[in-house]
C-alpha atoms as a PDB file:
ATOM      1  CA  MET A   1       0.000   0.000   0.000  1.00  0.00           C
ATOM      2  CA  PRO A   2       1.469   3.421  -0.909  1.00  0.00           C
ATOM      3  CA  ALA A   3       2.028   6.057   1.740  1.00  0.00           C
ATOM      4  CA  ALA A   4      -0.841   8.470   2.276  1.00  0.00           C
ATOM      5  CA  PRO A   5      -0.259  11.984   0.920  1.00  0.00           C
ATOM      6  CA  THR A   6       0.867  14.669   3.351  1.00  0.00           C
ATOM      7  CA  THR A   7      -2.142  16.623   4.639  1.00  0.00           C
ATOM      8  CA  ILE A   8      -2.042  20.435   4.674  1.00  0.00           C
ATOM      9  CA  ALA A   9      -4.902  22.390   6.280  1.00  0.00           C
ATOM     10  CA  LEU A  10      -5.168  26.083   5.408  1.00  0.00           C
ATOM     11  CA  SER A  11      -7.585  28.832   6.299  1.00  0.00           C
ATOM     12  CA  ILE A  12      -8.676  31.208   3.546  1.00  0.00           C
ATOM     13  CA  GLY A  13      -5.827  33.642   2.848  1.00  0.00           C
ATOM     14  CA  ALA A  14      -3.192  31.545   4.643  1.00  0.00           C
ATOM     15  CA  SER A  15      -0.063  30.246   2.893  1.00  0.00           C
ATOM     16  CA  ARG A  16       2.489  27.491   3.382  1.00  0.00           C
ATOM     17  CA  LEU A  17       5.985  27.282   1.858  1.00  0.00           C
ATOM     18  CA  LEU A  18       7.012  23.870   0.548  1.00  0.00           C
ATOM     19  CA  PHE A  19      10.485  22.763  -0.622  1.00  0.00           C
ATOM     20  CA  ASP A  20      12.199  25.871   0.739  1.00  0.00           C
ATOM     21  CA  GLY A  21      15.332  26.606  -1.305  1.00  0.00           C
ATOM     22  CA  VAL A  22      14.686  23.709  -3.697  1.00  0.00           C
ATOM     23  CA  ARG A  23      13.560  24.266  -7.278  1.00  0.00           C
ATOM     24  CA  PRO A  24      11.048  21.527  -8.234  1.00  0.00           C
ATOM     25  CA  ASP A  25      11.293  20.097 -11.737  1.00  0.00           C
ATOM     26  CA  SER A  26       7.511  20.143 -12.212  1.00  0.00           C
ATOM     27  CA  TYR A  27       4.240  20.136 -10.304  1.00  0.00           C
ATOM     28  CA  PHE A  28       0.550  19.569 -10.951  1.00  0.00           C
ATOM     29  CA  LEU A  29      -2.368  20.974  -8.941  1.00  0.00           C
ATOM     30  CA  ASP A  30      -5.401  18.702  -9.258  1.00  0.00           C
ATOM     31  CA  GLU A  31      -8.407  20.850  -8.328  1.00  0.00           C
ATOM     32  CA  ASP A  32     -11.730  20.045  -9.997  1.00  0.00           C
ATOM     33  CA  ASP A  33     -14.269  21.873  -7.797  1.00  0.00           C
ATOM     34  CA  SER A  34     -13.900  25.372  -9.275  1.00  0.00           C
ATOM     35  CA  ASP A  35     -15.771  26.198 -12.449  1.00  0.00           C
ATOM     36  CA  LEU A  36     -14.373  27.894 -15.548  1.00  0.00           C
ATOM     37  CA  GLY A  37     -13.611  31.535 -14.817  1.00  0.00           C
ATOM     38  CA  GLU A  38     -13.677  31.004 -11.044  1.00  0.00           C
ATOM     39  CA  THR A  39     -10.855  31.288  -8.529  1.00  0.00           C
ATOM     40  CA  ALA A  40      -9.418  27.912  -7.569  1.00  0.00           C
ATOM     41  CA  ALA A  41      -9.510  26.834  -3.929  1.00  0.00           C
ATOM     42  CA  VAL A  42      -5.699  26.676  -3.892  1.00  0.00           C
ATOM     43  CA  THR A  43      -3.035  28.515  -5.856  1.00  0.00           C
ATOM     44  CA  VAL A  44       0.610  27.469  -6.196  1.00  0.00           C
ATOM     45  CA  THR A  45       3.341  30.067  -6.736  1.00  0.00           C
ATOM     46  CA  PRO A  46       6.966  29.101  -7.507  1.00  0.00           C
ATOM     47  CA  GLY A  47       9.567  31.162  -5.657  1.00  0.00           C
ATOM     48  CA  ARG A  48      12.365  32.980  -7.478  1.00  0.00           C
ATOM     49  CA  THR A  49      15.009  31.087  -5.532  1.00  0.00           C
ATOM     50  CA  GLY A  50      13.087  27.846  -5.190  1.00  0.00           C
ATOM     51  CA  GLY A  51      10.206  26.422  -3.239  1.00  0.00           C
ATOM     52  CA  LEU A  52       6.466  26.502  -3.810  1.00  0.00           C
ATOM     53  CA  THR A  53       3.991  28.652  -1.893  1.00  0.00           C
ATOM     54  CA  VAL A  54       0.490  27.187  -1.592  1.00  0.00           C
ATOM     55  CA  THR A  55      -2.262  29.649  -0.662  1.00  0.00           C
ATOM     56  CA  GLY A  56      -5.870  29.026   0.318  1.00  0.00           C
ATOM     57  CA  ARG A  57      -8.209  31.173  -1.787  1.00  0.00           C
ATOM     58  CA  LYS A  58     -11.635  29.757  -0.938  1.00  0.00           C
ATOM     59  CA  ALA A  59     -13.143  26.749   0.788  1.00  0.00           C
ATOM     60  CA  GLY A  60     -12.362  23.516  -1.017  1.00  0.00           C
ATOM     61  CA  GLN A  61      -9.661  20.928  -1.495  1.00  0.00           C
ATOM     62  CA  ALA A  62      -6.989  19.950  -3.985  1.00  0.00           C
ATOM     63  CA  GLU A  63      -4.223  17.445  -4.581  1.00  0.00           C
ATOM     64  CA  LEU A  64      -0.692  18.634  -5.319  1.00  0.00           C
ATOM     65  CA  VAL A  65       1.942  16.411  -6.929  1.00  0.00           C
ATOM     66  CA  VAL A  66       5.549  17.671  -7.051  1.00  0.00           C
ATOM     67  CA  ARG A  67       8.523  16.101  -8.801  1.00  0.00           C
ATOM     68  CA  VAL A  68      12.075  16.856  -7.639  1.00  0.00           C
ATOM     69  CA  GLY A  69      14.581  14.733  -9.530  1.00  0.00           C
ATOM     70  CA  ARG A  70      13.348  11.157  -9.281  1.00  0.00           C
ATOM     71  CA  SER A  71      11.328  11.846  -6.153  1.00  0.00           C
ATOM     72  CA  LEU A  72       7.564  12.381  -6.307  1.00  0.00           C
ATOM     73  CA  SER A  73       5.732  14.016  -3.365  1.00  0.00           C
ATOM     74  CA  ARG A  74       1.964  14.170  -2.909  1.00  0.00           C
ATOM     75  CA  PHE A  75      -0.039  16.582  -0.772  1.00  0.00           C
ATOM     76  CA  HIS A  76      -3.733  16.737   0.113  1.00  0.00           C
ATOM     77  CA  ILE A  77      -4.685  20.381   0.750  1.00  0.00           C
ATOM     78  CA  THR A  78      -7.922  21.498   2.398  1.00  0.00           C
ATOM     79  CA  VAL A  79      -9.030  25.116   2.734  1.00  0.00           C
ATOM     80  CA  SER A  80     -11.731  26.311   5.132  1.00  0.00           C
ATOM     81  CA  ALA A  81     -12.943  29.613   6.542  1.00  0.00           C
ATOM     82  CA  ARG A  82     -11.264  28.658   9.810  1.00  0.00           C
ATOM     83  CA  ILE A  83      -9.346  25.593  10.916  1.00  0.00           C
ATOM     84  CA  VAL A  84     -11.456  23.389  13.172  1.00  0.00           C
ATOM     85  CA  PRO A  85     -10.819  19.825  14.318  1.00  0.00           C
ATOM     86  CA  PRO A  86     -12.704  17.453  12.012  1.00  0.00           C
ATOM     87  CA  PRO A  87     -15.444  15.342  13.601  1.00  0.00           C
ATOM     88  CA  THR A  88     -14.864  11.676  14.292  1.00  0.00           C
ATOM     89  CA  LEU A  89     -17.233   9.407  12.408  1.00  0.00           C
ATOM     90  CA  ALA A  90     -18.236   6.490  14.613  1.00  0.00           C
ATOM     91  CA  ASP A  91     -19.628   4.436  11.740  1.00  0.00           C
ATOM     92  CA  PHE A  92     -16.559   4.740   9.504  1.00  0.00           C
ATOM     93  CA  THR A  93     -15.272   1.524   7.927  1.00  0.00           C
ATOM     94  CA  PRO A  94     -11.740   1.513   6.483  1.00  0.00           C
ATOM     95  CA  GLY A  95     -11.468   0.539   2.834  1.00  0.00           C
ATOM     96  CA  TRP A  96     -13.207   1.626  -0.345  1.00  0.00           C
ATOM     97  CA  GLN A  97     -15.816   4.266   0.415  1.00  0.00           C
ATOM     98  CA  GLU A  98     -19.162   4.770  -1.316  1.00  0.00           C
ATOM     99  CA  PRO A  99     -18.584   6.146  -4.844  1.00  0.00           C
ATOM    100  CA  GLN A 100     -19.734   9.643  -5.744  1.00  0.00           C
ATOM    101  CA  VAL A 101     -21.338  10.133  -9.165  1.00  0.00           C
ATOM    102  CA  PHE A 102     -21.709  13.451 -10.995  1.00  0.00           C
ATOM    103  CA  ASP A 103     -23.518  13.674 -14.309  1.00  0.00           C
ATOM    104  CA  ALA A 104     -24.569  16.103 -17.022  1.00  0.00           C
ATOM    105  CA  GLY A 105     -28.142  14.960 -17.424  1.00  0.00           C
ATOM    106  CA  GLY A 106     -27.638  11.296 -18.225  1.00  0.00           C
ATOM    107  CA  TYR A 107     -27.528   9.360 -21.459  1.00  0.00           C
ATOM    108  CA  ASP A 108     -31.145  10.148 -22.319  1.00  0.00           C
ATOM    109  CA  GLU A 109     -29.952  13.709 -23.065  1.00  0.00           C
ATOM    110  CA  GLN A 110     -27.018  12.591 -25.233  1.00  0.00           C
ATOM    111  CA  PRO A 111     -27.537  12.952 -29.018  1.00  0.00           C
ATOM    112  CA  ARG A 112     -27.203   9.628 -30.842  1.00  0.00           C
ATOM    113  CA  TYR A 113     -24.773  10.340 -33.673  1.00  0.00           C
ATOM    114  CA  TRP A 114     -22.257   8.059 -35.366  1.00  0.00           C
ATOM    115  CA  GLN A 115     -19.812   7.960 -38.263  1.00  0.00           C
ATOM    116  CA  GLU A 116     -21.471   8.129 -41.646  1.00  0.00           C
ATOM    117  CA  LYS A 117     -19.558   7.544 -44.887  1.00  0.00           C
ATOM    118  CA  ARG A 118     -19.121   9.886 -47.843  1.00  0.00           C
ATOM    119  CA  ASP A 119     -16.658   9.983 -50.710  1.00  0.00           C
ATOM    120  CA  ARG A 120     -15.340  13.418 -49.655  1.00  0.00           C
ATOM    121  CA  TRP A 121     -14.444  12.033 -46.215  1.00  0.00           C
ATOM    122  CA  CYS A 122     -12.031   9.281 -45.230  1.00  0.00           C
ATOM    123  CA  HIS A 123     -14.435   7.291 -46.175  1.00  0.00           C
ATOM    124  CA  ALA A 124     -15.937   7.591 -42.660  1.00  0.00           C
ATOM    125  CA  VAL A 125     -16.070  11.084 -41.164  1.00  0.00           C
ATOM    126  CA  GLY A 126     -13.922  10.224 -38.087  1.00  0.00           C
ATOM    127  CA  CYS A 127     -14.561  10.050 -34.346  1.00  0.00           C
ATOM    128  CA  GLY A 128     -13.280  13.597 -33.727  1.00  0.00           C
ATOM    129  CA  PRO A 129     -15.947  15.307 -35.866  1.00  0.00           C
ATOM    130  CA  VAL A 130     -18.663  13.075 -34.398  1.00  0.00           C
ATOM    131  CA  ALA A 131     -17.647  13.957 -30.822  1.00  0.00           C
ATOM    132  CA  TRP A 132     -17.755  17.670 -31.604  1.00  0.00           C
ATOM    133  CA  ALA A 133     -21.125  17.348 -33.353  1.00  0.00           C
ATOM    134  CA  ILE A 134     -22.556  15.583 -30.294  1.00  0.00           C
ATOM    135  CA  LEU A 135     -21.262  18.257 -27.904  1.00  0.00           C
ATOM    136  CA  LEU A 136     -22.513  21.189 -30.018  1.00  0.00           C
ATOM    137  CA  ALA A 137     -25.883  19.469 -30.453  1.00  0.00           C
ATOM    138  CA  TRP A 138     -26.119  18.980 -26.674  1.00  0.00           C
ATOM    139  CA  TRP A 139     -25.649  22.715 -26.132  1.00  0.00           C
ATOM    140  CA  ASP A 140     -28.199  23.514 -28.859  1.00  0.00           C
ATOM    141  CA  ARG A 141     -30.706  21.307 -27.046  1.00  0.00           C
ATOM    142  CA  HIS A 142     -29.884  22.985 -23.709  1.00  0.00           C
ATOM    143  CA  GLY A 143     -30.786  26.574 -24.452  1.00  0.00           C
ATOM    144  CA  VAL A 144     -28.004  27.673 -26.833  1.00  0.00           C
ATOM    145  CA  PRO A 145     -29.462  27.473 -30.375  1.00  0.00           C
ATOM    146  CA  SER A 146     -26.485  29.318 -31.888  1.00  0.00           C
ATOM    147  CA  ALA A 147     -24.183  26.431 -30.894  1.00  0.00           C
ATOM    148  CA  PHE A 148     -25.467  24.229 -33.728  1.00  0.00           C
ATOM    149  CA  ALA A 149     -25.878  26.595 -36.686  1.00  0.00           C
ATOM    150  CA  VAL A 150     -25.517  25.369 -40.267  1.00  0.00           C
ATOM    151  CA  GLY A 151     -26.559  26.520 -43.719  1.00  0.00           C
ATOM    152  CA  THR A 152     -26.349  29.835 -45.560  1.00  0.00           C
ATOM    153  CA  GLY A 153     -28.558  32.894 -45.927  1.00  0.00           C
ATOM    154  CA  ASN A 154     -32.024  32.562 -44.429  1.00  0.00           C
ATOM    155  CA  SER A 155     -31.468  28.964 -43.330  1.00  0.00           C
ATOM    156  CA  LEU A 156     -28.366  29.980 -41.342  1.00  0.00           C
ATOM    157  CA  ARG A 157     -30.189  32.898 -39.688  1.00  0.00           C
ATOM    158  CA  SER A 158     -33.002  30.551 -38.738  1.00  0.00           C
ATOM    159  CA  SER A 159     -30.537  27.982 -37.386  1.00  0.00           C
ATOM    160  CA  LEU A 160     -28.870  30.619 -35.187  1.00  0.00           C
ATOM    161  CA  ARG A 161     -32.250  31.293 -33.550  1.00  0.00           C
ATOM    162  CA  THR A 162     -33.741  27.807 -33.409  1.00  0.00           C
ATOM    163  CA  GLN A 163     -33.141  24.621 -31.450  1.00  0.00           C
ATOM    164  CA  ASP A 164     -32.664  22.477 -34.526  1.00  0.00           C
ATOM    165  CA  ALA A 165     -30.073  19.849 -33.555  1.00  0.00           C
ATOM    166  CA  PRO A 166     -31.697  16.428 -34.077  1.00  0.00           C
ATOM    167  CA  PHE A 167     -31.468  13.830 -31.332  1.00  0.00           C
ATOM    168  CA  TYR A 168     -30.948  10.973 -33.798  1.00  0.00           C
ATOM    169  CA  LEU A 169     -28.943  10.789 -37.002  1.00  0.00           C
ATOM    170  CA  ASP A 170     -31.862   9.271 -38.909  1.00  0.00           C
ATOM    171  CA  TYR A 171     -32.515   9.996 -42.574  1.00  0.00           C
ATOM    172  CA  ASP A 172     -35.785   8.041 -42.746  1.00  0.00           C
ATOM    173  CA  ASP A 173     -37.388   9.688 -39.715  1.00  0.00           C
ATOM    174  CA  ASP A 174     -35.974  13.224 -40.140  1.00  0.00           C
ATOM    175  CA  PRO A 175     -34.347  13.841 -43.558  1.00  0.00           C
ATOM    176  CA  SER A 176     -33.913  17.600 -43.017  1.00  0.00           C
ATOM    177  CA  GLY A 177     -32.304  17.010 -39.606  1.00  0.00           C
ATOM    178  CA  TYR A 178     -30.056  14.360 -41.120  1.00  0.00           C
ATOM    179  CA  ALA A 179     -28.973  16.873 -43.781  1.00  0.00           C
ATOM    180  CA  ARG A 180     -28.088  19.452 -41.093  1.00  0.00           C
ATOM    181  CA  ILE A 181     -25.880  16.954 -39.273  1.00  0.00           C
ATOM    182  CA  ILE A 182     -24.130  16.013 -42.525  1.00  0.00           C
ATOM    183  CA  LYS A 183     -23.464  19.720 -43.216  1.00  0.00           C
ATOM    184  CA  LEU A 184     -21.927  20.017 -39.751  1.00  0.00           C
ATOM    185  CA  TYR A 185     -19.897  16.854 -40.380  1.00  0.00           C
ATOM    186  CA  ASP A 186     -18.553  18.459 -43.576  1.00  0.00           C
ATOM    187  CA  ILE A 187     -17.354  21.502 -41.624  1.00  0.00           C
ATOM    188  CA  LEU A 188     -15.909  19.442 -38.776  1.00  0.00           C
ATOM    189  CA  HIS A 189     -14.148  16.953 -41.063  1.00  0.00           C
ATOM    190  CA  ASP A 190     -12.228  19.893 -42.522  1.00  0.00           C
ATOM    191  CA  SER A 191     -11.661  21.791 -39.264  1.00  0.00           C
ATOM    192  CA  CYS A 192     -10.431  18.596 -37.550  1.00  0.00           C
ATOM    193  CA  ASP A 193      -8.031  18.150 -40.484  1.00  0.00           C
ATOM    194  CA  VAL A 194      -8.844  14.433 -40.434  1.00  0.00           C
ATOM    195  CA  ILE A 195      -5.966  12.186 -41.520  1.00  0.00           C
ATOM    196  CA  CYS A 196      -7.200   9.419 -43.798  1.00  0.00           C
ATOM    197  CA  ASP A 197      -5.858   5.886 -43.357  1.00  0.00           C
ATOM    198  CA  PRO A 198      -5.032   4.550 -46.856  1.00  0.00           C
ATOM    199  CA  PHE A 199      -5.644   0.970 -45.689  1.00  0.00           C
ATOM    200  CA  SER A 200      -9.092   1.417 -44.073  1.00  0.00           C
ATOM    201  CA  ASP A 201     -12.149   3.682 -43.847  1.00  0.00           C
ATOM    202  CA  SER A 202     -10.980   5.275 -40.601  1.00  0.00           C
ATOM    203  CA  GLY A 203      -9.814   8.842 -40.070  1.00  0.00           C
ATOM    204  CA  ALA A 204      -7.695  10.280 -37.251  1.00  0.00           C
ATOM    205  CA  THR A 205      -7.573  13.744 -35.671  1.00  0.00           C
ATOM    206  CA  THR A 206      -4.441  14.921 -33.868  1.00  0.00           C
ATOM    207  CA  PRO A 207      -4.937  16.509 -30.418  1.00  0.00           C
ATOM    208  CA  ASP A 208      -3.776  19.957 -31.550  1.00  0.00           C
ATOM    209  CA  ASP A 209      -6.315  19.956 -34.392  1.00  0.00           C
ATOM    210  CA  MET A 210      -9.048  18.602 -32.096  1.00  0.00           C
ATOM    211  CA  ILE A 211      -8.812  21.489 -29.622  1.00  0.00           C
ATOM    212  CA  GLU A 212      -9.253  24.063 -32.422  1.00  0.00           C
ATOM    213  CA  ALA A 213     -11.934  22.255 -34.435  1.00  0.00           C
ATOM    214  CA  TRP A 214     -14.871  23.954 -32.660  1.00  0.00           C
ATOM    215  CA  LEU A 215     -13.894  27.436 -33.860  1.00  0.00           C
ATOM    216  CA  GLU A 216     -15.095  27.099 -37.461  1.00  0.00           C
ATOM    217  CA  PRO A 217     -18.575  25.603 -36.826  1.00  0.00           C
ATOM    218  CA  THR A 218     -19.295  28.136 -34.046  1.00  0.00           C
ATOM    219  CA  LYS A 219     -17.984  31.249 -35.808  1.00  0.00           C
ATOM    220  CA  HIS A 220     -21.450  32.573 -36.709  1.00  0.00           C
ATOM    221  CA  GLY A 221     -22.672  32.252 -33.126  1.00  0.00           C
ATOM    222  CA  ARG A 222     -19.522  33.925 -31.822  1.00  0.00           C
ATOM    223  CA  ARG A 223     -19.387  36.694 -34.469  1.00  0.00           C
ATOM    224  CA  THR A 224     -23.000  37.653 -35.222  1.00  0.00           C
ATOM    225  CA  ASP A 225     -24.137  40.848 -33.483  1.00  0.00           C
ATOM    226  CA  GLN A 226     -27.552  41.918 -32.182  1.00  0.00           C
ATOM    227  CA  ASN A 227     -28.444  43.325 -35.620  1.00  0.00           C
ATOM    228  CA  GLY A 228     -27.767  40.007 -37.315  1.00  0.00           C
ATOM    229  CA  LEU A 229     -24.516  41.219 -38.914  1.00  0.00           C
ATOM    230  CA  PHE A 230     -21.599  38.788 -39.147  1.00  0.00           C
ATOM    231  CA  TRP A 231     -18.162  40.163 -38.273  1.00  0.00           C
ATOM    232  CA  PRO A 232     -15.677  38.020 -40.249  1.00  0.00           C
ATOM    233  CA  TRP A 233     -12.097  37.447 -39.207  1.00  0.00           C
ATOM    234  CA  PRO A 234      -9.679  39.336 -39.069  1.00  0.00           C
ATOM    235  CA  SER A 235     -12.050  41.971 -37.723  1.00  0.00           C
ATOM    236  CA  PRO A 236     -12.455  41.869 -33.926  1.00  0.00           C
ATOM    237  CA  PRO A 237     -15.482  40.029 -32.547  1.00  0.00           C
ATOM    238  CA  PRO A 238     -18.616  42.153 -32.062  1.00  0.00           C
ATOM    239  CA  PRO A 239     -19.183  43.730 -28.636  1.00  0.00           C
ATOM    240  CA  ASN A 240     -22.462  41.821 -28.211  1.00  0.00           C
ATOM    241  CA  PRO A 241     -22.214  38.463 -30.007  1.00  0.00           C
ATOM    242  CA  ALA A 242     -25.142  36.067 -30.124  1.00  0.00           C
ATOM    243  CA  MET A 243     -23.279  33.446 -28.094  1.00  0.00           C
ATOM    244  CA  GLY A 244     -20.926  33.703 -25.144  1.00  0.00           C
ATOM    245  CA  TYR A 245     -18.353  31.057 -24.276  1.00  0.00           C
ATOM    246  CA  TRP A 246     -15.693  29.848 -21.875  1.00  0.00           C
ATOM    247  CA  TYR A 247     -13.436  26.899 -22.547  1.00  0.00           C
ATOM    248  CA  SER A 248     -10.552  24.951 -21.049  1.00  0.00           C
ATOM    249  CA  TRP A 249      -8.516  22.132 -22.529  1.00  0.00           C
ATOM    250  CA  SER A 250      -5.496  19.950 -21.973  1.00  0.00           C
ATOM    251  CA  TRP A 251      -3.797  17.146 -23.802  1.00  0.00           C
ATOM    252  CA  ASP A 252      -0.798  15.112 -22.677  1.00  0.00           C
ATOM    253  CA  LEU A 253       0.718  12.004 -24.233  1.00  0.00           C
ATOM    254  CA  MET A 254       3.845  11.754 -22.094  1.00  0.00           C
ATOM    255  CA  ASP A 255       3.451  12.154 -18.320  1.00  0.00           C
ATOM    256  CA  PRO A 256       2.255   9.084 -16.364  1.00  0.00           C
ATOM    257  CA  ASP A 257       2.322  10.727 -12.920  1.00  0.00           C
ATOM    258  CA  TRP A 258      -0.654  13.033 -13.341  1.00  0.00           C
ATOM    259  CA  ASN A 259      -3.445  13.526 -15.804  1.00  0.00           C
ATOM    260  CA  GLU A 260      -4.497  17.104 -16.457  1.00  0.00           C
ATOM    261  CA  PRO A 261      -6.917  16.109 -19.271  1.00  0.00           C
ATOM    262  CA  SER A 262      -8.793  14.031 -16.694  1.00  0.00           C
ATOM    263  CA  ASN A 263      -8.983  17.079 -14.421  1.00  0.00           C
ATOM    264  CA  VAL A 264     -10.555  19.164 -17.208  1.00  0.00           C
ATOM    265  CA  ILE A 265     -13.232  16.534 -17.861  1.00  0.00           C
ATOM    266  CA  ARG A 266     -13.970  16.018 -14.161  1.00  0.00           C
ATOM    267  CA  ARG A 267     -14.547  19.728 -13.625  1.00  0.00           C
ATOM    268  CA  ALA A 268     -17.019  19.824 -16.515  1.00  0.00           C
ATOM    269  CA  ASN A 269     -19.003  16.775 -15.406  1.00  0.00           C
ATOM    270  CA  LYS A 270     -19.104  17.945 -11.776  1.00  0.00           C
ATOM    271  CA  LYS A 271     -20.645  21.218 -12.990  1.00  0.00           C
ATOM    272  CA  GLY A 272     -23.252  19.451 -15.122  1.00  0.00           C
ATOM    273  CA  ARG A 273     -21.567  19.793 -18.525  1.00  0.00           C
ATOM    274  CA  PRO A 274     -20.474  17.053 -20.928  1.00  0.00           C
ATOM    275  CA  ALA A 275     -16.914  17.316 -22.242  1.00  0.00           C
ATOM    276  CA  ILE A 276     -14.767  15.980 -25.062  1.00  0.00           C
ATOM    277  CA  VAL A 277     -12.593  13.069 -23.918  1.00  0.00           C
ATOM    278  CA  GLY A 278      -9.670  11.427 -25.684  1.00  0.00           C
ATOM    279  CA  LEU A 279      -9.519   7.789 -24.560  1.00  0.00           C
ATOM    280  CA  GLY A 280      -6.469   5.551 -24.353  1.00  0.00           C
ATOM    281  CA  TRP A 281      -3.375   6.649 -26.231  1.00  0.00           C
ATOM    282  CA  LEU A 282      -4.794   8.371 -29.343  1.00  0.00           C
ATOM    283  CA  TRP A 283      -7.406   5.591 -29.520  1.00  0.00           C
ATOM    284  CA  HIS A 284     -10.788   7.322 -29.674  1.00  0.00           C
ATOM    285  CA  TYR A 285     -12.656  10.594 -29.073  1.00  0.00           C
ATOM    286  CA  GLY A 286     -16.041  10.661 -27.365  1.00  0.00           C
ATOM    287  CA  VAL A 287     -18.146  12.787 -25.032  1.00  0.00           C
ATOM    288  CA  SER A 288     -17.964  12.210 -21.263  1.00  0.00           C
ATOM    289  CA  TYR A 289     -21.278  12.944 -19.567  1.00  0.00           C
ATOM    290  CA  ALA A 290     -20.765  11.399 -16.103  1.00  0.00           C
ATOM    291  CA  TYR A 291     -17.915  11.091 -13.599  1.00  0.00           C
ATOM    292  CA  ARG A 292     -17.634   8.504 -10.816  1.00  0.00           C
ATOM    293  CA  TYR A 293     -15.109   8.896  -7.997  1.00  0.00           C
ATOM    294  CA  GLN A 294     -14.176   6.484  -5.212  1.00  0.00           C
ATOM    295  CA  GLU A 295     -11.652   6.759  -2.365  1.00  0.00           C
ATOM    296  CA  TYR A 296      -9.795   4.158  -0.315  1.00  0.00           C
ATOM    297  CA  LYS A 297      -9.304   5.561   3.188  1.00  0.00           C
ATOM    298  CA  ALA A 298      -7.690   4.162   6.313  1.00  0.00           C
ATOM    299  CA  SER A 299      -9.263   6.710   8.679  1.00  0.00           C
ATOM    300  CA  ALA A 300     -12.371   8.875   8.570  1.00  0.00           C
ATOM    301  CA  ASN A 301     -10.543  12.192   8.620  1.00  0.00           C
ATOM    302  CA  GLY A 302      -7.421  11.140   6.757  1.00  0.00           C
ATOM    303  CA  PRO A 303      -6.662  11.674   3.073  1.00  0.00           C
ATOM    304  CA  ALA A 304      -7.432   9.134   0.392  1.00  0.00           C
ATOM    305  CA  ILE A 305      -4.680   6.553  -0.045  1.00  0.00           C
ATOM    306  CA  TYR A 306      -6.035   5.284  -3.351  1.00  0.00           C
ATOM    307  CA  THR A 307      -8.514   6.881  -5.738  1.00  0.00           C
ATOM    308  CA  ARG A 308     -10.455   5.338  -8.593  1.00  0.00           C
ATOM    309  CA  ARG A 309     -12.088   7.419 -11.310  1.00  0.00           C
ATOM    310  CA  TRP A 310     -14.278   6.602 -14.282  1.00  0.00           C
ATOM    311  CA  PHE A 311     -15.968   8.556 -17.053  1.00  0.00           C
ATOM    312  CA  ARG A 312     -19.192   7.448 -18.702  1.00  0.00           C
ATOM    313  CA  VAL A 313     -18.822   8.124 -22.397  1.00  0.00           C
ATOM    314  CA  ASN A 314     -21.077   8.609 -25.381  1.00  0.00           C
ATOM    315  CA  GLU A 315     -18.684   6.974 -27.826  1.00  0.00           C
ATOM    316  CA  GLY A 316     -20.417   8.297 -30.943  1.00  0.00           C
ATOM    317  CA  TRP A 317     -21.461   4.841 -32.065  1.00  0.00           C
ATOM    318  CA  GLY A 318     -25.228   5.373 -31.875  1.00  0.00           C
ATOM    319  CA  LYS A 319     -25.631   2.948 -28.967  1.00  0.00           C
ATOM    320  CA  GLU A 320     -28.534   3.018 -26.534  1.00  0.00           C
ATOM    321  CA  ASN A 321     -26.231   3.319 -23.522  1.00  0.00           C
ATOM    322  CA  GLY A 322     -22.883   4.823 -22.607  1.00  0.00           C
ATOM    323  CA  GLU A 323     -19.895   2.904 -21.260  1.00  0.00           C
ATOM    324  CA  TRP A 324     -17.639   3.506 -18.251  1.00  0.00           C
ATOM    325  CA  TYR A 325     -13.933   4.059 -19.000  1.00  0.00           C
ATOM    326  CA  SER A 326     -10.991   4.604 -16.672  1.00  0.00           C
ATOM    327  CA  GLY A 327     -10.639   8.245 -15.675  1.00  0.00           C
ATOM    328  CA  GLY A 328      -6.870   7.857 -15.679  1.00  0.00           C
ATOM    329  CA  ASP A 329      -6.575   6.547 -19.231  1.00  0.00           C
ATOM    330  CA  THR A 330      -7.225   9.802 -21.074  1.00  0.00           C
ATOM    331  CA  PHE A 331      -5.010  11.867 -23.347  1.00  0.00           C
ATOM    332  CA  LEU A 332      -7.255  14.887 -24.057  1.00  0.00           C
ATOM    333  CA  GLY A 333      -9.987  16.832 -22.299  1.00  0.00           C
ATOM    334  CA  PHE A 334     -11.978  19.830 -23.580  1.00  0.00           C
ATOM    335  CA  ASP A 335     -14.536  21.594 -21.378  1.00  0.00           C
ATOM    336  CA  MET A 336     -16.827  24.175 -22.973  1.00  0.00           C
ATOM    337  CA  LYS A 337     -19.447  26.422 -21.379  1.00  0.00           C
ATOM    338  CA  LEU A 338     -21.774  28.208 -23.817  1.00  0.00           C
ATOM    339  CA  TRP A 339     -24.667  30.599 -23.248  1.00  0.00           C
ATOM    340  CA  GLN A 340     -27.086  32.454 -25.533  1.00  0.00           C
ATOM    341  CA  ARG A 341     -26.681  36.201 -25.102  1.00  0.00           C
ATOM    342  CA  HIS A 342     -29.407  37.147 -27.585  1.00  0.00           C
ATOM    343  CA  LEU A 343     -31.264  35.744 -30.577  1.00  0.00           C
ATOM    344  CA  PRO A 344     -30.247  37.399 -33.858  1.00  0.00           C
ATOM    345  CA  PRO A 345     -33.180  38.938 -35.765  1.00  0.00           C
ATOM    346  CA  PRO A 346     -34.838  36.801 -38.478  1.00  0.00           C
END
């Protein structure tokens, strides 16, 4: 059994210096309670001559992992308004504790899209474009009609104002909805810069292309003003665009000691938002819509010795249920928060 992480208790505004006079090679703060645009519970500041200063900013907790040479140190940091002795739980049982589950509405709110085939694609469109189409459709169906906007002229203006993302990719049941998804696939196949495999129908999207792929299909929502005028690049965005947005992303193929992409996805799911997830090592892109977390503890008030994490993923295969995947086996995470600021005029 590994040693438990060192526990640090801080009050809001208090600081603690770690590794005084030593310059760490790298560190990672794992804090998934704060939302996009919010202050984290803990901040870490490297000193000019070495050391790390951890400061409590608001009530919450975080894990800090620090590498110095070949040595890896772990800290569990809690921040509260004032430091009080924690209560003793009489009914505590050492071992794996009850899992916590956070979700973004469940699978019944996840659009059922999959990879169609067209000659202009690879032959299949690729898992990256499908994942983005699912996420943009989810936002369209959750009060942001400008997130899923396709077409030209009057049809585009209508799409910017209307919840028109189909739930199913189904030509027979909804041919016009099917056509809108295919138009979005066309845009995303190009913006993902999908790499075609000459020996199969599959197509791959590199992580750096994946994190930028949302910009092209959302440009009209981000650059249409209250008068319905589109402000094309390189002009600055309008002062009052139809759609507002925050986003956060991370991808990492190299470091086994911490997983920042997992942190990005966890934060999204804990706040009720689905997020793009890259599974395995460049294996597959999907949409994570639930996060399950479990701790192994030796004492009621002590830190977790082990943690287990899973993400429930809409894989973009049109299935009637999502699957749980390891929350530590991820190479990319993209969290997006969209909101409708106004509806452009017809």
